[in-house]
């Protein structure tokens, strides 16, 4: 059994804290970390909602006044199997 490797390259993991909620949003997108930070900063400065599209094409829209924190980082390639490195 083989797994299909992503041909899109490196993805960015985004973790967003929502005000008045104990839940967090976890989004994996194909934007660079710099582009994600730029989108978040623009949304917060302009007063408009933040819109991000994940690697599966689903769009997430968050009201800018509900964003409590945003954590951005590079995703690592996930290894499948029992072998040790």
N, C-alpha and C. Protein backbone atom coordinates (compact mmCIF):
# COMPACT_ATOMS: atom_id res chain seq x y z
N UNK A 1 0.85 -1.18 0.00
CA UNK A 1 0.00 0.00 0.00
C UNK A 1 0.89 1.23 0.00
N UNK A 2 0.61 2.14 -0.87
CA UNK A 2 1.40 3.36 -0.93
C UNK A 2 0.49 4.56 -0.69
N UNK A 3 1.11 5.64 -0.28
CA UNK A 3 0.37 6.87 -0.07
C UNK A 3 0.75 7.88 -1.12
N UNK A 4 -0.19 8.72 -1.48
CA UNK A 4 0.06 9.74 -2.48
C UNK A 4 0.75 10.93 -1.81
N UNK A 5 1.89 11.31 -2.33
CA UNK A 5 2.59 12.45 -1.78
C UNK A 5 2.03 13.74 -2.37
N UNK A 6 2.03 14.77 -1.56
CA UNK A 6 1.55 16.06 -2.02
C UNK A 6 2.53 16.64 -3.02
N UNK A 7 2.00 17.06 -4.15
CA UNK A 7 2.85 17.67 -5.17
C UNK A 7 2.88 19.17 -5.04
N UNK A 8 2.12 19.70 -4.10
CA UNK A 8 2.03 21.14 -3.94
C UNK A 8 3.26 21.72 -3.22
N UNK A 9 4.06 20.90 -2.60
CA UNK A 9 5.22 21.39 -1.89
C UNK A 9 4.94 21.59 -0.42
N UNK A 10 5.66 22.51 0.18
CA UNK A 10 5.56 22.76 1.61
C UNK A 10 4.30 23.57 1.90
N UNK A 11 3.61 23.20 2.96
CA UNK A 11 2.42 23.94 3.37
C UNK A 11 2.68 24.66 4.69
N UNK A 12 1.77 25.55 5.03
CA UNK A 12 1.87 26.33 6.25
C UNK A 12 0.72 25.98 7.17
N UNK A 13 1.04 25.70 8.43
CA UNK A 13 0.01 25.44 9.43
C UNK A 13 -0.33 26.75 10.14
N UNK A 14 -1.63 27.01 10.27
CA UNK A 14 -2.11 28.22 10.93
C UNK A 14 -3.03 27.79 12.06
N UNK A 15 -2.78 28.31 13.24
CA UNK A 15 -3.62 28.04 14.41
C UNK A 15 -4.19 29.38 14.86
N UNK A 16 -5.52 29.47 14.91
CA UNK A 16 -6.18 30.74 15.22
C UNK A 16 -7.04 30.55 16.47
N UNK A 17 -6.80 31.39 17.47
CA UNK A 17 -7.61 31.40 18.67
C UNK A 17 -8.82 32.29 18.45
N UNK A 18 -9.98 31.83 18.88
CA UNK A 18 -11.21 32.57 18.71
C UNK A 18 -11.65 33.13 20.06
N UNK A 19 -11.96 34.43 20.10
CA UNK A 19 -12.41 35.07 21.34
C UNK A 19 -13.72 34.45 21.81
N UNK A 20 -13.90 34.36 23.11
CA UNK A 20 -15.10 33.80 23.75
C UNK A 20 -15.31 32.33 23.41
N UNK A 21 -14.25 31.61 23.08
CA UNK A 21 -14.36 30.18 22.76
C UNK A 21 -13.09 29.48 23.22
N UNK A 22 -13.26 28.26 23.70
CA UNK A 22 -12.09 27.49 24.10
C UNK A 22 -11.50 26.73 22.93
N UNK A 23 -12.20 26.71 21.80
CA UNK A 23 -11.74 26.00 20.61
C UNK A 23 -10.77 26.87 19.81
N UNK A 24 -9.91 26.19 19.05
CA UNK A 24 -8.99 26.87 18.13
C UNK A 24 -9.24 26.32 16.74
N UNK A 25 -8.96 27.14 15.74
CA UNK A 25 -9.05 26.69 14.36
C UNK A 25 -7.65 26.28 13.90
N UNK A 26 -7.55 25.13 13.25
CA UNK A 26 -6.30 24.66 12.68
C UNK A 26 -6.50 24.57 11.18
N UNK A 27 -5.71 25.35 10.44
CA UNK A 27 -5.84 25.39 8.99
C UNK A 27 -4.47 25.11 8.38
N UNK A 28 -4.43 24.23 7.39
CA UNK A 28 -3.21 23.96 6.65
C UNK A 28 -3.41 24.54 5.25
N UNK A 29 -2.59 25.54 4.90
CA UNK A 29 -2.78 26.20 3.60
C UNK A 29 -1.47 26.20 2.82
N UNK A 30 -1.60 26.52 1.53
CA UNK A 30 -0.44 26.49 0.63
C UNK A 30 0.26 27.84 0.54
N UNK A 31 -0.20 28.84 1.28
CA UNK A 31 0.46 30.13 1.30
C UNK A 31 1.75 30.04 2.11
N UNK A 32 2.67 30.95 1.84
CA UNK A 32 3.89 31.02 2.65
C UNK A 32 3.53 31.65 4.00
N UNK A 33 4.34 31.41 5.02
CA UNK A 33 4.06 32.05 6.32
C UNK A 33 3.98 33.57 6.21
N UNK A 34 4.82 34.16 5.37
CA UNK A 34 4.81 35.61 5.20
C UNK A 34 3.48 36.09 4.63
N UNK A 35 2.93 35.36 3.66
CA UNK A 35 1.64 35.73 3.05
C UNK A 35 0.50 35.58 4.06
N UNK A 36 0.56 34.56 4.91
CA UNK A 36 -0.47 34.38 5.94
C UNK A 36 -0.42 35.54 6.93
N UNK A 37 0.78 35.90 7.37
CA UNK A 37 0.93 37.01 8.31
C UNK A 37 0.45 38.31 7.67
N UNK A 38 0.74 38.49 6.40
CA UNK A 38 0.29 39.68 5.68
C UNK A 38 -1.25 39.72 5.62
N UNK A 39 -1.89 38.58 5.35
CA UNK A 39 -3.35 38.53 5.28
C UNK A 39 -3.98 38.83 6.64
N UNK A 40 -3.38 38.29 7.71
CA UNK A 40 -3.90 38.54 9.06
C UNK A 40 -3.74 40.01 9.43
N UNK A 41 -2.58 40.56 9.17
CA UNK A 41 -2.32 41.97 9.48
C UNK A 41 -3.25 42.89 8.71
N UNK A 42 -3.46 42.59 7.44
CA UNK A 42 -4.37 43.39 6.62
C UNK A 42 -5.79 43.33 7.16
N UNK A 43 -6.24 42.14 7.55
CA UNK A 43 -7.60 41.99 8.09
C UNK A 43 -7.75 42.77 9.40
N UNK A 44 -6.75 42.69 10.26
CA UNK A 44 -6.84 43.39 11.54
C UNK A 44 -6.78 44.90 11.35
N UNK A 45 -5.93 45.38 10.44
CA UNK A 45 -5.79 46.82 10.21
C UNK A 45 -6.99 47.42 9.49
N UNK A 46 -7.59 46.67 8.56
CA UNK A 46 -8.68 47.21 7.75
C UNK A 46 -10.05 47.04 8.40
N UNK A 47 -10.15 46.18 9.39
CA UNK A 47 -11.43 45.93 10.03
C UNK A 47 -12.29 44.94 9.26
N UNK A 48 -11.73 44.29 8.25
CA UNK A 48 -12.47 43.30 7.46
C UNK A 48 -12.19 41.90 7.99
N UNK A 49 -12.98 40.93 7.55
CA UNK A 49 -12.82 39.54 7.97
C UNK A 49 -11.57 38.92 7.36
N UNK A 50 -11.00 37.95 8.06
CA UNK A 50 -9.85 37.18 7.56
C UNK A 50 -10.40 35.99 6.79
N UNK A 51 -9.89 35.78 5.58
CA UNK A 51 -10.32 34.67 4.75
C UNK A 51 -9.10 33.86 4.34
N UNK A 52 -9.10 32.57 4.66
CA UNK A 52 -8.01 31.67 4.29
C UNK A 52 -8.59 30.43 3.62
N UNK A 53 -7.90 29.91 2.61
CA UNK A 53 -8.31 28.70 1.92
C UNK A 53 -7.33 27.59 2.25
N UNK A 54 -7.85 26.44 2.70
CA UNK A 54 -6.97 25.35 3.09
C UNK A 54 -6.52 24.54 1.87
N UNK A 55 -5.72 23.51 2.12
CA UNK A 55 -5.13 22.71 1.04
C UNK A 55 -6.18 21.90 0.29
N UNK A 56 -7.36 21.74 0.84
CA UNK A 56 -8.44 20.99 0.17
C UNK A 56 -9.41 21.91 -0.55
N UNK A 57 -9.14 23.21 -0.53
CA UNK A 57 -9.99 24.16 -1.23
C UNK A 57 -11.13 24.72 -0.41
N UNK A 58 -11.22 24.37 0.87
CA UNK A 58 -12.27 24.90 1.73
C UNK A 58 -11.86 26.27 2.23
N UNK A 59 -12.81 27.20 2.22
CA UNK A 59 -12.51 28.57 2.64
C UNK A 59 -13.04 28.80 4.05
N UNK A 60 -12.22 29.42 4.89
CA UNK A 60 -12.59 29.75 6.26
C UNK A 60 -12.57 31.27 6.40
N UNK A 61 -13.65 31.82 6.92
CA UNK A 61 -13.75 33.27 7.11
C UNK A 61 -13.97 33.54 8.58
N UNK A 62 -13.13 34.40 9.16
CA UNK A 62 -13.19 34.71 10.59
C UNK A 62 -13.34 36.23 10.75
N UNK A 63 -14.30 36.65 11.55
CA UNK A 63 -14.48 38.07 11.84
C UNK A 63 -13.23 38.58 12.55
N UNK A 64 -12.73 39.73 12.13
CA UNK A 64 -11.47 40.23 12.68
C UNK A 64 -11.56 40.54 14.17
N UNK A 65 -12.73 40.90 14.68
CA UNK A 65 -12.86 41.22 16.10
C UNK A 65 -12.95 39.97 16.97
N UNK A 66 -12.99 38.77 16.37
CA UNK A 66 -13.04 37.51 17.11
C UNK A 66 -11.69 36.80 17.16
N UNK A 67 -10.68 37.36 16.49
CA UNK A 67 -9.35 36.74 16.48
C UNK A 67 -8.61 37.14 17.75
N UNK A 68 -8.25 36.14 18.57
CA UNK A 68 -7.51 36.45 19.79
C UNK A 68 -6.00 36.22 19.61
N UNK A 69 -5.61 35.23 18.79
CA UNK A 69 -4.20 35.04 18.46
C UNK A 69 -4.10 34.24 17.17
N UNK A 70 -2.95 34.36 16.52
CA UNK A 70 -2.66 33.59 15.31
C UNK A 70 -1.24 33.05 15.43
N UNK A 71 -1.09 31.75 15.26
CA UNK A 71 0.23 31.10 15.27
C UNK A 71 0.47 30.53 13.88
N UNK A 72 1.61 30.87 13.30
CA UNK A 72 1.93 30.45 11.94
C UNK A 72 3.24 29.68 11.94
N UNK A 73 3.29 28.55 11.24
CA UNK A 73 4.51 27.76 11.16
C UNK A 73 4.51 26.86 9.94
N UNK A 74 5.69 26.45 9.51
CA UNK A 74 5.85 25.54 8.37
C UNK A 74 5.41 24.14 8.78
N UNK A 75 4.74 23.46 7.88
CA UNK A 75 4.36 22.06 8.10
C UNK A 75 5.54 21.18 7.73
N UNK A 76 5.69 20.11 8.48
CA UNK A 76 6.72 19.13 8.15
C UNK A 76 6.06 17.99 7.41
N UNK A 77 6.82 17.33 6.53
CA UNK A 77 6.28 16.19 5.82
C UNK A 77 6.01 15.09 6.83
N UNK A 78 4.80 14.54 6.78
CA UNK A 78 4.43 13.49 7.71
C UNK A 78 4.96 12.15 7.21
N UNK A 79 5.59 11.41 8.10
CA UNK A 79 6.11 10.11 7.74
C UNK A 79 5.13 9.05 8.18
N UNK A 80 4.95 8.05 7.34
CA UNK A 80 4.03 6.96 7.62
C UNK A 80 4.82 5.68 7.71
N UNK A 81 4.59 4.89 8.74
CA UNK A 81 5.26 3.62 8.88
C UNK A 81 5.87 3.45 10.25
N UNK A 82 6.59 2.33 10.40
CA UNK A 82 7.15 2.00 11.70
C UNK A 82 8.68 2.06 11.73
N UNK A 83 9.29 2.45 10.63
CA UNK A 83 10.74 2.50 10.57
C UNK A 83 11.28 3.65 11.41
N UNK A 84 12.46 3.46 11.97
CA UNK A 84 13.10 4.55 12.73
C UNK A 84 14.16 5.18 11.85
N UNK A 85 14.36 6.45 12.07
CA UNK A 85 15.29 7.19 11.22
C UNK A 85 16.69 7.05 11.63
